Amino acid sequence: MVAWLVLALLLHKAPPATARATVTVTGVVGRAVSLGADVPPGFQVRDAIWRYLAPAEELVATYFRGSAETLYQSRFYGRSRLHGNLTLEISPVELGDSGTFSALLVNTRGQTETRVLHLAVYEVVSQLTLQVFTSESSRSGSARVCEVFLTCVAAGGTNVTYSWGRTDGEVLSMDKHSLFEAGLVLWAKLDPLDKQVSYTCTAANAVSRESATIAPWEHCQREAGSEDAVYDYRNILLIALPLSVLVLAGAVFGLLLSWKCSGKQRTKPLLHASEPDAAPV
């Protein structure tokens, strides 16, 4: 605590620090990242202060007359380490660690220099899922044309960008292709000449990239087969249903006729039974 008070006092009394342009450092979630102080040649550091400036200012590490300290109550508590060359290491890095850091260096003559670094943390792109959806217009239109929507989604990753390409290297023509939702969806118009064409989706960010490939024409054929199957089933229904109705009607008629005949036979004994016996003479 005493060292921090001395350094705070030093900040007020020290001459203006020489600042450099902000340096961007890339970090990956779950791994270690190093923020270098970039000490100039001949600059004998006596004291140093590492601070986290944004989104909220926090003291991360200090170096005072040969003694390093990192056990400050900041979001990096227990994850920070100050090396002998004044490089600040954070491990493991979390997604919320993105922000701006400042390193104030003071030499034995009281001169100061400042380093400003911006840490950008990314999650690795992982597990691409591709899906194919055929449009209603292609199913109801010409059998030689198939319109499809290809979707590409990464299960993990931050600041991901998506791009599409044909595996045969041919450029996607504007009249047969369109991109939607920042590249997440590709519309393609296919004909029989595109039977062997496959499309590759690439998802990438600053630290990783993943690709997956799909052949959409197979899905067009599958949809066409489904439509044919439905059509055949309807034809069967058109033939079988009238026959079933005729058979059912015949069965009902037969039952009614049988019931009517059996009813007549039952009434005859009743009529005979109701006739009076002849009176004896």
Protein backbone atom coordinates (compact mmCIF):
# COMPACT_ATOMS: atom_id res chain seq x y z
CA MET A 1 0.00 0.00 0.00
CA VAL A 2 2.90 2.33 0.85
CA ALA A 3 4.45 1.61 -2.53
CA TRP A 4 1.22 2.56 -4.29
CA LEU A 5 1.01 5.85 -2.36
CA VAL A 6 4.59 6.67 -3.31
CA LEU A 7 3.90 5.90 -6.95
CA ALA A 8 0.72 7.98 -6.90
CA LEU A 9 2.69 10.90 -5.54
CA LEU A 10 5.28 10.29 -8.23
CA LEU A 11 2.62 10.55 -10.92
CA HIS A 12 1.84 14.09 -9.86
CA LYS A 13 5.44 15.27 -9.56
CA ALA A 14 6.92 13.46 -12.56
CA PRO A 15 7.49 15.41 -15.78
CA PRO A 16 5.06 14.72 -18.67
CA ALA A 17 5.41 11.15 -19.88
CA THR A 18 6.45 10.31 -23.40
CA ALA A 19 3.49 8.48 -24.97
CA ARG A 20 3.39 6.25 -27.99
CA ALA A 21 0.59 5.19 -30.29
CA THR A 22 -1.85 2.64 -28.91
CA VAL A 23 -0.83 -0.95 -29.62
CA THR A 24 -3.51 -3.59 -30.21
CA VAL A 25 -2.95 -7.02 -28.66
CA THR A 26 -5.11 -10.02 -29.55
CA GLY A 27 -6.13 -12.56 -26.92
CA VAL A 28 -7.93 -15.90 -27.09
CA VAL A 29 -10.45 -17.03 -24.46
CA GLY A 30 -8.92 -19.62 -22.14
CA ARG A 31 -5.31 -18.93 -23.12
CA ALA A 32 -2.54 -16.64 -21.87
CA VAL A 33 -1.80 -13.20 -23.29
CA SER A 34 1.24 -10.99 -22.77
CA LEU A 35 1.20 -7.20 -22.72
CA GLY A 36 4.71 -5.91 -23.36
CA ALA A 37 6.04 -2.72 -21.73
CA ASP A 38 8.54 -2.22 -24.60
CA VAL A 39 11.22 -0.62 -22.44
CA PRO A 40 13.51 1.57 -24.61
CA PRO A 41 17.24 0.78 -24.71
CA GLY A 42 19.15 2.49 -21.92
CA PHE A 43 15.98 3.30 -19.99
CA GLN A 44 16.69 1.90 -16.52
CA VAL A 45 13.31 1.32 -14.96
CA ARG A 46 13.02 2.06 -11.27
CA ASP A 47 9.21 2.00 -10.92
CA ALA A 48 6.28 0.88 -13.07
CA ILE A 49 2.52 0.94 -12.83
CA TRP A 50 0.13 -1.22 -14.89
CA ARG A 51 -3.48 0.01 -14.96
CA TYR A 52 -6.66 -1.16 -16.65
CA LEU A 53 -8.27 2.03 -17.97
CA ALA A 54 -11.50 1.01 -19.68
CA PRO A 55 -14.28 0.29 -19.17
CA ALA A 56 -13.36 1.04 -15.52
CA GLU A 57 -9.97 2.08 -14.13
CA GLU A 58 -8.27 -0.52 -11.93
CA LEU A 59 -4.76 -1.02 -10.60
CA VAL A 60 -3.41 -4.32 -11.93
CA ALA A 61 0.31 -4.52 -11.10
CA THR A 62 3.19 -2.41 -9.78
CA TYR A 63 6.98 -2.58 -9.72
CA PHE A 64 8.66 -0.51 -7.01
CA ARG A 65 12.42 -0.56 -6.49
CA GLY A 66 12.85 -4.17 -7.56
CA SER A 67 9.67 -5.59 -5.99
CA ALA A 68 6.67 -6.66 -8.13
CA GLU A 69 3.11 -6.77 -6.83
CA THR A 70 -0.02 -8.07 -8.56
CA LEU A 71 -2.34 -8.90 -5.67
CA TYR A 72 -4.66 -5.94 -6.19
CA GLN A 73 -8.44 -6.20 -6.08
CA SER A 74 -9.13 -6.01 -9.78
CA ARG A 75 -10.87 -8.30 -12.28
CA PHE A 76 -7.42 -9.79 -12.95
CA TYR A 77 -6.79 -10.81 -9.35
CA GLY A 78 -5.17 -14.26 -9.33
CA ARG A 79 -4.75 -14.24 -13.12
CA SER A 80 -2.01 -11.63 -13.56
CA ARG A 81 1.76 -11.96 -13.41
CA LEU A 82 4.48 -9.32 -13.85
CA HIS A 83 7.68 -10.61 -15.47
CA GLY A 84 11.20 -9.27 -14.95
CA ASN A 85 11.06 -7.31 -18.22
CA LEU A 86 7.83 -5.68 -16.93
CA THR A 87 5.64 -7.64 -19.34
CA LEU A 88 2.17 -8.17 -17.87
CA GLU A 89 0.79 -11.67 -18.41
CA ILE A 90 -2.87 -12.55 -17.94
CA SER A 91 -3.90 -16.20 -17.84
CA PRO A 92 -6.44 -17.50 -18.55
CA VAL A 93 -7.99 -14.70 -20.56
CA GLU A 94 -11.73 -14.10 -20.31
CA LEU A 95 -14.02 -12.53 -22.90
CA GLY A 96 -14.75 -9.60 -20.61
CA ASP A 97 -11.03 -8.71 -20.33
CA SER A 98 -11.15 -6.69 -23.55
CA GLY A 99 -10.19 -3.10 -22.85
CA THR A 100 -7.38 -0.56 -22.62
CA PHE A 101 -4.25 -0.95 -20.47
CA SER A 102 -1.66 1.63 -19.51
CA ALA A 103 1.93 1.09 -18.35
CA LEU A 104 3.74 4.02 -16.72
CA LEU A 105 7.53 3.58 -16.61
CA VAL A 106 9.83 5.71 -14.41
CA ASN A 107 13.63 5.53 -14.72
CA THR A 108 16.32 6.26 -12.17
CA ARG A 109 16.47 9.91 -13.29
CA GLY A 110 12.75 10.48 -12.75
CA GLN A 111 11.90 10.45 -16.47
CA THR A 112 8.70 8.71 -17.50
CA GLU A 113 7.28 6.93 -20.49
CA THR A 114 3.77 5.63 -21.07
CA ARG A 115 2.60 2.62 -23.01
CA VAL A 116 -1.04 2.24 -24.01
CA LEU A 117 -2.28 -1.14 -25.22
CA HIS A 118 -5.75 -2.25 -26.27
CA LEU A 119 -6.56 -5.89 -25.58
CA ALA A 120 -9.11 -7.47 -27.94
CA VAL A 121 -10.27 -10.89 -26.76
CA TYR A 122 -11.91 -13.37 -29.12
CA GLU A 123 -13.57 -16.75 -28.78
CA VAL A 124 -12.39 -19.38 -31.27
CA VAL A 125 -14.78 -20.20 -34.13
CA SER A 126 -16.11 -23.76 -33.80
CA GLN A 127 -18.57 -26.32 -35.21
CA LEU A 128 -20.10 -25.00 -38.41
CA THR A 129 -23.61 -26.19 -39.30
CA LEU A 130 -24.77 -26.04 -42.94
CA GLN A 131 -28.39 -26.46 -44.03
CA VAL A 132 -30.15 -26.43 -47.41
CA PHE A 133 -33.67 -25.13 -48.01
CA THR A 134 -35.32 -25.30 -51.44
CA SER A 135 -37.63 -22.44 -52.41
CA GLU A 136 -41.31 -22.90 -53.24
CA SER A 137 -40.81 -21.35 -56.67
CA SER A 138 -38.27 -24.00 -57.65
CA ARG A 139 -40.57 -26.83 -56.59
CA SER A 140 -43.51 -25.44 -58.54
CA GLY A 141 -41.50 -24.23 -61.55
CA SER A 142 -39.30 -25.88 -64.12
CA ALA A 143 -37.85 -29.21 -63.14
CA ARG A 144 -34.55 -28.13 -64.70
CA VAL A 145 -34.05 -25.23 -62.29
CA CYS A 146 -33.59 -25.46 -58.52
CA GLU A 147 -33.40 -22.45 -56.21
CA VAL A 148 -31.83 -23.08 -52.80
CA PHE A 149 -31.01 -21.15 -49.66
CA LEU A 150 -27.83 -22.29 -47.91
CA THR A 151 -27.36 -21.31 -44.26
CA CYS A 152 -24.11 -21.37 -42.30
CA VAL A 153 -23.93 -20.91 -38.52
CA ALA A 154 -20.99 -21.30 -36.11
CA ALA A 155 -21.77 -22.76 -32.70
CA GLY A 156 -18.97 -20.72 -31.08
CA GLY A 157 -16.93 -17.64 -31.83
CA THR A 158 -17.07 -13.85 -31.46
CA ASN A 159 -16.98 -11.17 -34.16
CA VAL A 160 -17.42 -13.87 -36.79
CA THR A 161 -17.59 -13.01 -40.49
CA TYR A 162 -18.97 -15.40 -43.11
CA SER A 163 -17.99 -15.88 -46.75
CA TRP A 164 -19.00 -18.32 -49.50
CA GLY A 165 -17.26 -19.80 -52.50
CA ARG A 166 -17.54 -22.57 -55.07
CA THR A 167 -15.15 -25.48 -54.76
CA ASP A 168 -14.41 -25.32 -58.48
CA GLY A 169 -12.99 -21.82 -58.02
CA GLU A 170 -15.60 -20.11 -60.18
CA VAL A 171 -16.66 -16.67 -58.98
CA LEU A 172 -20.22 -16.42 -57.65
CA SER A 173 -22.21 -14.66 -60.40
CA MET A 174 -24.61 -11.95 -59.29
CA ASP A 175 -27.46 -13.24 -61.47
CA LYS A 176 -27.43 -16.67 -59.81
CA HIS A 177 -26.27 -15.84 -56.28
CA SER A 178 -27.19 -13.43 -53.48
CA LEU A 179 -26.00 -13.03 -49.88
CA PHE A 180 -28.28 -12.24 -46.96
CA GLU A 181 -27.87 -11.64 -43.22
CA ALA A 182 -24.22 -10.54 -43.51
CA GLY A 183 -23.24 -13.74 -45.29
CA LEU A 184 -25.12 -16.19 -43.08
CA VAL A 185 -27.45 -17.08 -45.96
CA LEU A 186 -26.57 -17.72 -49.61
CA TRP A 187 -29.24 -17.92 -52.31
CA ALA A 188 -28.26 -19.92 -55.40
CA LYS A 189 -30.04 -20.75 -58.63
CA LEU A 190 -28.95 -24.13 -59.96
CA ASP A 191 -29.50 -26.04 -63.20
CA PRO A 192 -28.46 -29.57 -64.27
CA LEU A 193 -25.00 -28.28 -65.21
CA ASP A 194 -24.45 -27.57 -61.49
CA LYS A 195 -24.96 -31.16 -60.36
CA GLN A 196 -21.32 -31.54 -59.28
CA VAL A 197 -20.97 -28.05 -57.78
CA SER A 198 -20.26 -27.74 -54.06
CA TYR A 199 -20.24 -24.60 -51.95
CA THR A 200 -17.87 -23.86 -49.08
CA CYS A 201 -18.78 -21.61 -46.16
CA THR A 202 -15.90 -20.06 -44.23
CA ALA A 203 -16.42 -18.54 -40.78
CA ALA A 204 -13.49 -16.52 -39.44
CA ASN A 205 -12.41 -13.97 -36.87
CA ALA A 206 -9.07 -12.49 -35.85
CA VAL A 207 -7.83 -15.68 -34.17
CA SER A 208 -9.39 -18.62 -36.04
CA ARG A 209 -11.29 -19.86 -39.08
CA GLU A 210 -13.44 -22.88 -39.91
CA SER A 211 -14.81 -24.14 -43.23
CA ALA A 212 -17.51 -26.62 -44.28
CA THR A 213 -18.68 -27.79 -47.72
CA ILE A 214 -22.05 -28.92 -49.06
CA ALA A 215 -23.44 -30.09 -52.44
CA PRO A 216 -26.95 -28.58 -52.78
CA TRP A 217 -28.07 -30.37 -55.98
CA GLU A 218 -28.53 -33.60 -54.02
CA HIS A 219 -31.17 -31.83 -51.95
CA CYS A 220 -32.89 -30.62 -55.12
CA GLN A 221 -33.15 -34.22 -56.31
CA ARG A 222 -34.43 -35.30 -52.93
CA GLU A 223 -37.16 -32.65 -53.02
CA ALA A 224 -38.10 -33.67 -56.56
CA GLY A 225 -38.31 -37.30 -55.45
CA SER A 226 -40.56 -36.31 -52.58
CA GLU A 227 -42.87 -34.44 -54.95
CA ASP A 228 -43.01 -37.47 -57.28
CA ALA A 229 -43.82 -39.70 -54.38
CA VAL A 230 -46.68 -37.44 -53.33
CA TYR A 231 -47.98 -37.34 -56.89
CA ASP A 232 -47.95 -41.15 -57.18
CA TYR A 233 -49.69 -41.51 -53.85
CA ARG A 234 -52.45 -39.17 -54.97
CA ASN A 235 -52.94 -41.17 -58.16
CA ILE A 236 -53.29 -44.32 -56.11
CA LEU A 237 -55.85 -42.62 -53.90
CA LEU A 238 -57.84 -41.45 -56.93
CA ILE A 239 -58.10 -45.04 -58.15
CA ALA A 240 -58.42 -46.88 -54.86
CA LEU A 241 -60.92 -44.58 -53.17
CA PRO A 242 -63.78 -45.03 -55.69
CA LEU A 243 -63.24 -48.80 -55.69
CA SER A 244 -63.37 -48.85 -51.91
CA VAL A 245 -66.60 -46.87 -51.95
CA LEU A 246 -68.15 -49.30 -54.45
CA VAL A 247 -67.10 -52.33 -52.41
CA LEU A 248 -68.42 -50.75 -49.23
CA ALA A 249 -71.71 -49.83 -50.92
CA GLY A 250 -72.08 -53.41 -52.22
CA ALA A 251 -71.47 -54.82 -48.76
CA VAL A 252 -74.04 -52.50 -47.21
CA PHE A 253 -76.60 -53.36 -49.92
CA GLY A 254 -76.01 -57.06 -49.34
CA LEU A 255 -76.51 -56.68 -45.61
CA LEU A 256 -79.74 -54.76 -46.10
CA LEU A 257 -81.04 -57.35 -48.55
CA SER A 258 -80.12 -60.19 -46.22
CA TRP A 259 -81.80 -58.43 -43.31
CA LYS A 260 -84.97 -57.83 -45.36
CA CYS A 261 -85.23 -61.47 -46.42
CA SER A 262 -84.68 -62.79 -42.93
CA GLY A 263 -87.38 -60.41 -41.69
CA LYS A 264 -89.95 -61.81 -44.12
CA GLN A 265 -89.16 -65.36 -43.05
CA ARG A 266 -89.69 -64.44 -39.42
CA THR A 267 -93.09 -62.86 -40.10
CA LYS A 268 -94.55 -65.98 -41.75
CA PRO A 269 -94.64 -68.18 -38.57
CA LEU A 270 -96.15 -65.26 -36.74
CA LEU A 271 -98.96 -64.98 -39.28
CA HIS A 272 -99.68 -68.72 -39.08
CA ALA A 273 -99.69 -68.56 -35.33
CA SER A 274 -102.21 -65.75 -35.30
CA GLU A 275 -104.83 -67.63 -37.42
CA PRO A 276 -107.73 -69.13 -35.18
CA ASP A 277 -108.27 -72.88 -35.06
CA ALA A 278 -111.39 -74.19 -36.93
CA ALA A 279 -114.39 -74.80 -34.63
CA PRO A 280 -115.45 -78.45 -34.32
CA VAL A 281 -118.69 -79.32 -36.06
